[in-house]
Amino acid sequence: MRYEYGMKPSASKKTATTTEKALPPATASGLGVGERVPTFSADDQNDASVGSANLRGTYVLYFYPRDNTPGCTVEACEFRDELKQFSAAKVRVVGVSPDSISSHQKFVAKFKLNFSLLADPDHAVADAFGTWVLKKNYGKEYMGIERSTFLIDGAGVVHAVWRKVRVKGHVAEVLAAAQAL
């Protein structure tokens, strides 16, 4: 059984604005359940290359905006705290953000994170997964990471997707889906 999370029915229909029409195609659609994961590779906090070619088995790939921010720290620490449960389910956890390797090294050391964080400063991995999107905050528009999580099975196919993630309870939901595989 396949699940797609994070999809909320729209309360009202909106007409597309010119800004929405200008978004890159990956942003408009993103990667969905049942699709094969695109080829990707990035360096982690240990300067080791991690990507679709060397990730074997089932894994969680979660995208977050920035190291050391409140929501991103809570999410990373919850993945850290549940890593034994993910490992028992034979599921690897990998985080991705636009931060540098140096930033990831400090983040990992400060919070004793026990999984890989991929540095994606050119947002190539985020683009491939459709998580580099137009964001709005206090009337300003800018490109950034949409907090998203992908559960990818051993065949390299997306099993579940969570978009526009709210941190509270998210890791538990991902763990439940991973254990159900």
N, C-alpha and C. Protein backbone atom coordinates (compact mmCIF):
# COMPACT_ATOMS: atom_id res chain seq x y z
N MET A 1 0.84 -1.17 0.00
CA MET A 1 0.00 0.00 0.00
C MET A 1 0.88 1.24 0.00
N ARG A 2 0.56 2.23 -0.78
CA ARG A 2 1.36 3.45 -0.85
C ARG A 2 0.59 4.59 -0.23
N TYR A 3 1.32 5.46 0.42
CA TYR A 3 0.73 6.59 1.11
C TYR A 3 1.30 7.89 0.57
N GLU A 4 0.51 8.91 0.51
CA GLU A 4 1.02 10.24 0.19
C GLU A 4 0.52 11.16 1.29
N TYR A 5 1.47 11.74 1.99
CA TYR A 5 1.16 12.58 3.13
C TYR A 5 1.32 14.05 2.77
N GLY A 6 0.72 14.90 3.55
CA GLY A 6 0.92 16.33 3.40
C GLY A 6 0.02 16.97 2.37
N MET A 7 -0.82 16.21 1.74
CA MET A 7 -1.72 16.78 0.75
C MET A 7 -3.00 17.19 1.46
N LYS A 8 -3.28 18.47 1.44
CA LYS A 8 -4.46 18.97 2.12
C LYS A 8 -5.44 19.50 1.07
N PRO A 9 -6.72 19.19 1.24
CA PRO A 9 -7.69 19.71 0.29
C PRO A 9 -7.77 21.22 0.42
N SER A 10 -7.90 21.88 -0.70
CA SER A 10 -7.98 23.33 -0.70
C SER A 10 -9.37 23.78 -0.25
N ALA A 11 -9.39 24.77 0.63
CA ALA A 11 -10.66 25.29 1.12
C ALA A 11 -11.35 26.13 0.05
N SER A 12 -10.56 26.78 -0.75
CA SER A 12 -11.13 27.60 -1.81
C SER A 12 -10.22 27.54 -3.02
N LYS A 13 -10.80 27.73 -4.18
CA LYS A 13 -10.00 27.72 -5.39
C LYS A 13 -9.32 29.07 -5.55
N LYS A 14 -8.04 29.01 -5.92
CA LYS A 14 -7.28 30.23 -6.17
C LYS A 14 -6.90 30.24 -7.64
N THR A 15 -6.85 31.41 -8.19
CA THR A 15 -6.35 31.50 -9.55
C THR A 15 -4.85 31.70 -9.49
N ALA A 16 -4.15 31.17 -10.45
CA ALA A 16 -2.69 31.26 -10.48
C ALA A 16 -2.26 32.70 -10.72
N THR A 17 -1.25 33.11 -10.00
CA THR A 17 -0.69 34.44 -10.22
C THR A 17 0.47 34.30 -11.19
N THR A 18 0.95 35.43 -11.67
CA THR A 18 2.07 35.38 -12.60
C THR A 18 3.30 34.80 -11.93
N THR A 19 3.46 35.02 -10.62
CA THR A 19 4.60 34.46 -9.90
C THR A 19 4.53 32.94 -9.90
N GLU A 20 3.34 32.38 -9.63
CA GLU A 20 3.19 30.94 -9.61
C GLU A 20 3.48 30.34 -10.98
N LYS A 21 3.10 31.03 -12.03
CA LYS A 21 3.34 30.52 -13.38
C LYS A 21 4.83 30.51 -13.71
N ALA A 22 5.62 31.36 -13.06
CA ALA A 22 7.03 31.46 -13.36
C ALA A 22 7.88 30.41 -12.63
N LEU A 23 7.27 29.61 -11.79
CA LEU A 23 8.03 28.61 -11.04
C LEU A 23 8.60 27.55 -11.96
N PRO A 24 9.75 26.98 -11.59
CA PRO A 24 10.31 25.89 -12.38
C PRO A 24 9.38 24.68 -12.35
N PRO A 25 9.37 23.85 -13.39
CA PRO A 25 8.48 22.70 -13.45
C PRO A 25 8.58 21.77 -12.24
N ALA A 26 9.79 21.49 -11.74
CA ALA A 26 9.93 20.59 -10.61
C ALA A 26 9.21 21.13 -9.38
N THR A 27 9.20 22.44 -9.21
CA THR A 27 8.54 23.05 -8.08
C THR A 27 7.04 22.88 -8.17
N ALA A 28 6.51 23.01 -9.38
CA ALA A 28 5.07 22.93 -9.56
C ALA A 28 4.56 21.52 -9.28
N SER A 29 5.33 20.50 -9.65
CA SER A 29 4.84 19.14 -9.49
C SER A 29 5.56 18.39 -8.37
N GLY A 30 6.86 18.47 -8.33
CA GLY A 30 7.62 17.73 -7.33
C GLY A 30 7.63 16.25 -7.63
N LEU A 31 8.37 15.54 -6.84
CA LEU A 31 8.49 14.10 -6.98
C LEU A 31 7.38 13.44 -6.18
N GLY A 32 6.70 12.48 -6.76
CA GLY A 32 5.55 11.89 -6.09
C GLY A 32 5.70 10.41 -5.82
N VAL A 33 4.73 9.87 -5.11
CA VAL A 33 4.67 8.45 -4.78
C VAL A 33 4.66 7.62 -6.06
N GLY A 34 5.46 6.55 -6.05
CA GLY A 34 5.52 5.65 -7.20
C GLY A 34 6.56 6.05 -8.23
N GLU A 35 7.15 7.23 -8.09
CA GLU A 35 8.17 7.67 -9.05
C GLU A 35 9.55 7.19 -8.61
N ARG A 36 10.40 6.96 -9.60
CA ARG A 36 11.77 6.56 -9.33
C ARG A 36 12.56 7.80 -8.90
N VAL A 37 13.43 7.60 -7.91
CA VAL A 37 14.26 8.69 -7.39
C VAL A 37 15.26 9.11 -8.46
N PRO A 38 15.41 10.42 -8.67
CA PRO A 38 16.40 10.87 -9.64
C PRO A 38 17.82 10.58 -9.14
N THR A 39 18.75 10.52 -10.05
CA THR A 39 20.15 10.36 -9.67
C THR A 39 20.60 11.62 -8.96
N PHE A 40 21.20 11.44 -7.78
CA PHE A 40 21.70 12.59 -7.04
C PHE A 40 22.92 12.18 -6.24
N SER A 41 23.72 13.16 -5.88
CA SER A 41 24.89 12.95 -5.04
C SER A 41 25.28 14.27 -4.41
N ALA A 42 25.70 14.22 -3.15
CA ALA A 42 26.18 15.40 -2.44
C ALA A 42 27.11 14.92 -1.34
N ASP A 43 27.94 15.82 -0.84
CA ASP A 43 28.86 15.47 0.23
C ASP A 43 28.19 15.67 1.58
N ASP A 44 28.49 14.76 2.51
CA ASP A 44 27.94 14.87 3.85
C ASP A 44 28.92 15.60 4.77
N GLN A 45 28.60 15.65 6.06
CA GLN A 45 29.41 16.38 7.03
C GLN A 45 30.81 15.80 7.18
N ASN A 46 31.03 14.57 6.73
CA ASN A 46 32.35 13.94 6.77
C ASN A 46 33.07 14.07 5.44
N ASP A 47 32.52 14.88 4.54
CA ASP A 47 33.07 15.10 3.20
C ASP A 47 33.06 13.81 2.37
N ALA A 48 32.12 12.91 2.69
CA ALA A 48 31.94 11.68 1.93
C ALA A 48 30.78 11.87 0.96
N SER A 49 30.92 11.35 -0.23
CA SER A 49 29.87 11.46 -1.23
C SER A 49 28.75 10.46 -0.91
N VAL A 50 27.53 10.96 -0.81
CA VAL A 50 26.36 10.14 -0.54
C VAL A 50 25.34 10.45 -1.63
N GLY A 51 24.76 9.40 -2.18
CA GLY A 51 23.77 9.66 -3.23
C GLY A 51 23.00 8.42 -3.61
N SER A 52 22.22 8.56 -4.65
CA SER A 52 21.34 7.47 -5.08
C SER A 52 22.13 6.22 -5.47
N ALA A 53 23.35 6.38 -5.93
CA ALA A 53 24.15 5.23 -6.34
C ALA A 53 24.65 4.40 -5.16
N ASN A 54 24.87 5.03 -4.01
CA ASN A 54 25.42 4.27 -2.89
C ASN A 54 24.48 4.14 -1.70
N LEU A 55 23.26 4.63 -1.80
CA LEU A 55 22.25 4.41 -0.76
C LEU A 55 21.51 3.12 -1.10
N ARG A 56 21.75 2.11 -0.30
CA ARG A 56 21.13 0.80 -0.54
C ARG A 56 20.01 0.58 0.45
N GLY A 57 19.01 -0.14 0.04
CA GLY A 57 17.89 -0.43 0.92
C GLY A 57 16.96 0.75 1.05
N THR A 58 16.09 0.68 2.05
CA THR A 58 15.10 1.72 2.27
C THR A 58 15.74 2.87 3.05
N TYR A 59 15.38 4.10 2.67
CA TYR A 59 15.91 5.25 3.39
C TYR A 59 14.92 6.40 3.39
N VAL A 60 15.12 7.28 4.38
CA VAL A 60 14.36 8.52 4.51
C VAL A 60 15.29 9.63 4.06
N LEU A 61 14.82 10.45 3.15
CA LEU A 61 15.55 11.64 2.72
C LEU A 61 14.69 12.83 3.10
N TYR A 62 15.18 13.61 4.08
CA TYR A 62 14.37 14.74 4.51
C TYR A 62 15.09 16.05 4.22
N PHE A 63 14.34 17.01 3.72
CA PHE A 63 14.87 18.32 3.34
C PHE A 63 14.44 19.33 4.40
N TYR A 64 15.40 20.12 4.85
CA TYR A 64 15.11 21.14 5.86
C TYR A 64 15.83 22.43 5.48
N PRO A 65 15.28 23.58 5.88
CA PRO A 65 15.83 24.86 5.42
C PRO A 65 17.23 25.23 5.91
N ARG A 66 17.51 25.03 7.23
CA ARG A 66 18.78 25.58 7.72
C ARG A 66 19.20 24.96 9.05
N ASP A 67 20.49 24.71 9.18
CA ASP A 67 21.04 24.23 10.44
C ASP A 67 20.83 25.26 11.55
N ASN A 68 20.68 24.75 12.77
CA ASN A 68 20.63 25.57 13.99
C ASN A 68 19.45 26.53 14.08
N THR A 69 18.39 26.30 13.33
CA THR A 69 17.17 27.08 13.50
C THR A 69 16.22 26.23 14.35
N PRO A 70 15.28 26.86 15.04
CA PRO A 70 14.46 26.10 16.00
C PRO A 70 13.76 24.87 15.42
N GLY A 71 13.00 25.02 14.35
CA GLY A 71 12.27 23.88 13.78
C GLY A 71 13.19 22.82 13.23
N CYS A 72 14.25 23.24 12.57
CA CYS A 72 15.20 22.29 11.97
C CYS A 72 15.95 21.52 13.05
N THR A 73 16.26 22.19 14.15
CA THR A 73 16.94 21.52 15.26
C THR A 73 16.04 20.49 15.91
N VAL A 74 14.78 20.84 16.15
CA VAL A 74 13.83 19.89 16.74
C VAL A 74 13.68 18.67 15.84
N GLU A 75 13.51 18.90 14.54
CA GLU A 75 13.34 17.79 13.60
C GLU A 75 14.57 16.88 13.59
N ALA A 76 15.77 17.47 13.51
CA ALA A 76 17.00 16.68 13.49
C ALA A 76 17.16 15.87 14.78
N CYS A 77 16.87 16.51 15.91
CA CYS A 77 17.01 15.81 17.20
C CYS A 77 15.98 14.69 17.35
N GLU A 78 14.79 14.87 16.80
CA GLU A 78 13.79 13.80 16.84
C GLU A 78 14.22 12.62 15.97
N PHE A 79 14.80 12.89 14.80
CA PHE A 79 15.34 11.80 13.97
C PHE A 79 16.48 11.11 14.74
N ARG A 80 17.35 11.90 15.36
CA ARG A 80 18.45 11.33 16.16
C ARG A 80 17.90 10.40 17.25
N ASP A 81 16.90 10.88 17.98
CA ASP A 81 16.35 10.13 19.10
C ASP A 81 15.64 8.84 18.67
N GLU A 82 15.14 8.81 17.45
CA GLU A 82 14.41 7.64 16.95
C GLU A 82 15.26 6.78 16.00
N LEU A 83 16.55 7.10 15.88
CA LEU A 83 17.38 6.39 14.91
C LEU A 83 17.47 4.90 15.20
N LYS A 84 17.48 4.49 16.45
CA LYS A 84 17.51 3.05 16.77
C LYS A 84 16.27 2.35 16.21
N GLN A 85 15.12 3.02 16.29
CA GLN A 85 13.88 2.46 15.75
C GLN A 85 13.94 2.37 14.22
N PHE A 86 14.47 3.42 13.57
CA PHE A 86 14.63 3.39 12.12
C PHE A 86 15.60 2.27 11.73
N SER A 87 16.70 2.14 12.47
CA SER A 87 17.69 1.10 12.18
C SER A 87 17.08 -0.29 12.34
N ALA A 88 16.26 -0.47 13.38
CA ALA A 88 15.60 -1.76 13.59
C ALA A 88 14.69 -2.11 12.41
N ALA A 89 14.12 -1.08 11.78
CA ALA A 89 13.27 -1.28 10.60
C ALA A 89 14.11 -1.33 9.32
N LYS A 90 15.44 -1.26 9.47
CA LYS A 90 16.38 -1.28 8.35
C LYS A 90 16.17 -0.10 7.41
N VAL A 91 15.98 1.07 8.02
CA VAL A 91 15.77 2.31 7.27
C VAL A 91 16.83 3.32 7.69
N ARG A 92 17.55 3.82 6.71
CA ARG A 92 18.58 4.83 6.95
C ARG A 92 17.95 6.21 6.89
N VAL A 93 18.47 7.16 7.65
CA VAL A 93 17.98 8.55 7.65
C VAL A 93 19.08 9.45 7.11
N VAL A 94 18.71 10.33 6.17
CA VAL A 94 19.64 11.28 5.58
C VAL A 94 18.93 12.63 5.49
N GLY A 95 19.58 13.68 5.99
CA GLY A 95 19.03 15.04 5.90
C GLY A 95 19.73 15.81 4.79
N VAL A 96 19.02 16.79 4.22
CA VAL A 96 19.57 17.63 3.15
C VAL A 96 19.19 19.07 3.41
N SER A 97 20.17 19.97 3.33
CA SER A 97 19.89 21.40 3.38
C SER A 97 20.92 22.14 2.53
N PRO A 98 20.68 23.41 2.25
CA PRO A 98 21.63 24.18 1.45
C PRO A 98 22.88 24.60 2.23
N ASP A 99 22.97 24.25 3.51
CA ASP A 99 24.11 24.65 4.31
C ASP A 99 25.40 23.98 3.84
N SER A 100 26.53 24.54 4.26
CA SER A 100 27.85 24.03 3.89
C SER A 100 28.23 22.81 4.73
N ILE A 101 29.26 22.11 4.30
CA ILE A 101 29.79 20.98 5.06
C ILE A 101 30.22 21.45 6.45
N SER A 102 30.87 22.59 6.51
CA SER A 102 31.33 23.15 7.79
C SER A 102 30.16 23.41 8.73
N SER A 103 29.08 23.97 8.21
CA SER A 103 27.89 24.22 9.02
C SER A 103 27.32 22.90 9.53
N HIS A 104 27.27 21.90 8.66
CA HIS A 104 26.77 20.58 9.07
C HIS A 104 27.65 19.96 10.15
N GLN A 105 28.96 20.11 10.02
CA GLN A 105 29.86 19.55 11.03
C GLN A 105 29.57 20.15 12.40
N LYS A 106 29.36 21.46 12.46
CA LYS A 106 29.07 22.13 13.72
C LYS A 106 27.70 21.70 14.27
N PHE A 107 26.72 21.58 13.39
CA PHE A 107 25.36 21.17 13.77
C PHE A 107 25.38 19.74 14.34
N VAL A 108 26.08 18.85 13.66
CA VAL A 108 26.19 17.45 14.10
C VAL A 108 26.88 17.38 15.46
N ALA A 109 27.98 18.11 15.63
CA ALA A 109 28.71 18.09 16.90
C ALA A 109 27.88 18.69 18.04
N LYS A 110 27.23 19.79 17.78
CA LYS A 110 26.45 20.48 18.82
C LYS A 110 25.30 19.62 19.34
N PHE A 111 24.62 18.92 18.44
CA PHE A 111 23.43 18.15 18.83
C PHE A 111 23.65 16.64 18.78
N LYS A 112 24.90 16.21 18.61
CA LYS A 112 25.26 14.79 18.60
C LYS A 112 24.38 13.99 17.63
N LEU A 113 24.25 14.52 16.42
CA LEU A 113 23.45 13.85 15.41
C LEU A 113 24.19 12.62 14.91
N ASN A 114 23.45 11.56 14.65
CA ASN A 114 24.04 10.26 14.32
C ASN A 114 23.63 9.77 12.94
N PHE A 115 23.46 10.67 12.02
CA PHE A 115 23.12 10.32 10.64
C PHE A 115 23.72 11.36 9.71
N SER A 116 23.71 11.07 8.42
CA SER A 116 24.32 11.96 7.42
C SER A 116 23.47 13.18 7.14
N LEU A 117 24.14 14.31 6.99
CA LEU A 117 23.52 15.55 6.52
C LEU A 117 24.24 15.94 5.24
N LEU A 118 23.50 16.05 4.16
CA LEU A 118 24.09 16.39 2.87
C LEU A 118 24.09 17.89 2.66
N ALA A 119 25.23 18.40 2.20
CA ALA A 119 25.37 19.81 1.86
C ALA A 119 24.92 20.00 0.42
N ASP A 120 23.94 20.87 0.22
CA ASP A 120 23.36 21.11 -1.11
C ASP A 120 23.31 22.61 -1.39
N PRO A 121 24.49 23.29 -1.35
CA PRO A 121 24.49 24.75 -1.49
C PRO A 121 24.00 25.26 -2.84
N ASP A 122 24.13 24.45 -3.88
CA ASP A 122 23.63 24.87 -5.20
C ASP A 122 22.20 24.36 -5.43
N HIS A 123 21.61 23.76 -4.41
CA HIS A 123 20.25 23.20 -4.37
C HIS A 123 19.94 22.24 -5.52
N ALA A 124 20.95 21.54 -6.02
CA ALA A 124 20.74 20.59 -7.11
C ALA A 124 19.88 19.41 -6.66
N VAL A 125 20.13 18.90 -5.45
CA VAL A 125 19.33 17.78 -4.95
C VAL A 125 17.91 18.25 -4.68
N ALA A 126 17.78 19.42 -4.05
CA ALA A 126 16.45 19.98 -3.77
C ALA A 126 15.67 20.21 -5.07
N ASP A 127 16.34 20.70 -6.09
CA ASP A 127 15.68 20.89 -7.39
C ASP A 127 15.18 19.56 -7.95
N ALA A 128 16.01 18.53 -7.84
CA ALA A 128 15.64 17.21 -8.39
C ALA A 128 14.41 16.63 -7.69
N PHE A 129 14.24 16.95 -6.41
CA PHE A 129 13.10 16.42 -5.65
C PHE A 129 11.93 17.41 -5.59
N GLY A 130 12.09 18.59 -6.18
CA GLY A 130 11.00 19.57 -6.21
C GLY A 130 10.78 20.25 -4.87
N THR A 131 11.85 20.37 -4.06
CA THR A 131 11.70 21.02 -2.75
C THR A 131 12.31 22.41 -2.71
N TRP A 132 12.92 22.85 -3.80
CA TRP A 132 13.43 24.22 -3.91
C TRP A 132 12.31 25.03 -4.54
N VAL A 133 11.61 25.82 -3.71
CA VAL A 133 10.36 26.46 -4.14
C VAL A 133 10.34 27.94 -3.82
N LEU A 134 9.39 28.62 -4.41
CA LEU A 134 9.14 30.02 -4.09
C LEU A 134 8.42 30.07 -2.75
N LYS A 135 8.97 30.85 -1.83
CA LYS A 135 8.39 30.98 -0.50
C LYS A 135 7.99 32.43 -0.27
N LYS A 136 7.07 32.63 0.63
CA LYS A 136 6.64 33.98 0.99
C LYS A 136 6.69 34.12 2.50
N ASN A 137 7.25 35.24 2.96
CA ASN A 137 7.32 35.50 4.38
C ASN A 137 7.25 37.01 4.59
N TYR A 138 6.25 37.44 5.33
CA TYR A 138 6.05 38.86 5.60
C TYR A 138 6.05 39.70 4.32
N GLY A 139 5.38 39.20 3.30
CA GLY A 139 5.25 39.92 2.05
C GLY A 139 6.43 39.82 1.10
N LYS A 140 7.50 39.17 1.52
CA LYS A 140 8.68 39.01 0.66
C LYS A 140 8.64 37.63 0.01
N GLU A 141 9.07 37.58 -1.23
CA GLU A 141 9.15 36.32 -1.95
C GLU A 141 10.62 35.97 -2.17
N TYR A 142 10.93 34.70 -2.00
CA TYR A 142 12.30 34.23 -2.17
C TYR A 142 12.27 32.73 -2.43
N MET A 143 13.36 32.21 -2.97
CA MET A 143 13.47 30.78 -3.20
C MET A 143 14.10 30.15 -1.96
N GLY A 144 13.58 28.98 -1.58
CA GLY A 144 14.11 28.28 -0.42
C GLY A 144 13.59 26.86 -0.37
N ILE A 145 14.01 26.14 0.66
CA ILE A 145 13.63 24.74 0.85
C ILE A 145 12.23 24.65 1.44
N GLU A 146 11.39 23.84 0.82
CA GLU A 146 10.11 23.47 1.41
C GLU A 146 10.38 22.22 2.25
N ARG A 147 10.15 22.33 3.56
CA ARG A 147 10.41 21.19 4.46
C ARG A 147 9.60 20.00 3.96
N SER A 148 10.31 18.97 3.51
CA SER A 148 9.68 17.80 2.91
C SER A 148 10.46 16.54 3.28
N THR A 149 9.76 15.42 3.28
CA THR A 149 10.38 14.14 3.58
C THR A 149 9.92 13.10 2.57
N PHE A 150 10.86 12.26 2.15
CA PHE A 150 10.59 11.19 1.20
C PHE A 150 11.01 9.87 1.82
N LEU A 151 10.14 8.88 1.78
CA LEU A 151 10.46 7.52 2.18
C LEU A 151 10.67 6.74 0.90
N ILE A 152 11.90 6.24 0.72
CA ILE A 152 12.29 5.62 -0.54
C ILE A 152 12.60 4.15 -0.29
N ASP A 153 11.98 3.28 -1.08
CA ASP A 153 12.16 1.84 -0.86
C ASP A 153 13.45 1.33 -1.49
N GLY A 154 13.73 0.07 -1.28
CA GLY A 154 14.96 -0.55 -1.75
C GLY A 154 15.13 -0.57 -3.25
N ALA A 155 14.05 -0.40 -3.99
CA ALA A 155 14.12 -0.37 -5.45
C ALA A 155 14.35 1.05 -5.98
N GLY A 156 14.49 2.02 -5.07
CA GLY A 156 14.70 3.41 -5.50
C GLY A 156 13.43 4.10 -5.92
N VAL A 157 12.30 3.63 -5.41
CA VAL A 157 11.00 4.21 -5.74
C VAL A 157 10.44 4.92 -4.51
N VAL A 158 9.85 6.08 -4.73
CA VAL A 158 9.27 6.85 -3.63
C VAL A 158 8.04 6.11 -3.12
N HIS A 159 8.07 5.76 -1.85
CA HIS A 159 6.97 5.04 -1.22
C HIS A 159 5.99 5.99 -0.54
N ALA A 160 6.51 7.09 0.04
CA ALA A 160 5.66 8.07 0.71
C ALA A 160 6.31 9.44 0.65
N VAL A 161 5.48 10.49 0.63
CA VAL A 161 5.95 11.87 0.56
C VAL A 161 5.19 12.69 1.59
N TRP A 162 5.93 13.52 2.31
CA TRP A 162 5.33 14.51 3.19
C TRP A 162 5.82 15.87 2.72
N ARG A 163 4.92 16.76 2.38
CA ARG A 163 5.28 18.11 1.91
C ARG A 163 4.78 19.13 2.94
N LYS A 164 5.41 20.29 2.93
CA LYS A 164 5.04 21.37 3.85
C LYS A 164 4.91 20.83 5.27
N VAL A 165 5.95 20.15 5.69
CA VAL A 165 5.96 19.44 6.97
C VAL A 165 5.85 20.39 8.15
N ARG A 166 5.01 20.01 9.09
CA ARG A 166 4.96 20.62 10.42
C ARG A 166 5.78 19.69 11.30
N VAL A 167 6.73 20.23 12.03
CA VAL A 167 7.69 19.40 12.75
C VAL A 167 7.04 18.53 13.83
N LYS A 168 6.12 19.07 14.58
CA LYS A 168 5.53 18.33 15.70
C LYS A 168 4.85 17.04 15.21
N GLY A 169 5.33 15.91 15.70
CA GLY A 169 4.75 14.61 15.37
C GLY A 169 5.19 14.03 14.04
N HIS A 170 5.98 14.79 13.28
CA HIS A 170 6.35 14.34 11.94
C HIS A 170 7.23 13.09 11.96
N VAL A 171 8.26 13.09 12.78
CA VAL A 171 9.19 11.96 12.79
C VAL A 171 8.47 10.67 13.18
N ALA A 172 7.54 10.76 14.13
CA ALA A 172 6.77 9.58 14.53
C ALA A 172 5.94 9.06 13.37
N GLU A 173 5.39 9.95 12.58
CA GLU A 173 4.58 9.55 11.41
C GLU A 173 5.46 8.87 10.36
N VAL A 174 6.66 9.42 10.13
CA VAL A 174 7.59 8.82 9.17
C VAL A 174 8.03 7.44 9.66
N LEU A 175 8.32 7.34 10.95
CA LEU A 175 8.74 6.06 11.53
C LEU A 175 7.65 5.01 11.37
N ALA A 176 6.41 5.37 11.64
CA ALA A 176 5.30 4.43 11.49
C ALA A 176 5.20 3.92 10.05
N ALA A 177 5.34 4.83 9.08
CA ALA A 177 5.29 4.42 7.68
C ALA A 177 6.48 3.53 7.32
N ALA A 178 7.64 3.85 7.87
CA ALA A 178 8.85 3.05 7.59
C ALA A 178 8.72 1.65 8.18
N GLN A 179 8.16 1.55 9.37
CA GLN A 179 7.98 0.26 10.00
C GLN A 179 6.93 -0.59 9.29
N ALA A 180 6.02 0.06 8.58
CA ALA A 180 4.96 -0.66 7.87
C ALA A 180 5.43 -1.25 6.55
N LEU A 181 6.60 -0.83 6.09
CA LEU A 181 7.12 -1.35 4.81
C LEU A 181 7.48 -2.82 4.91
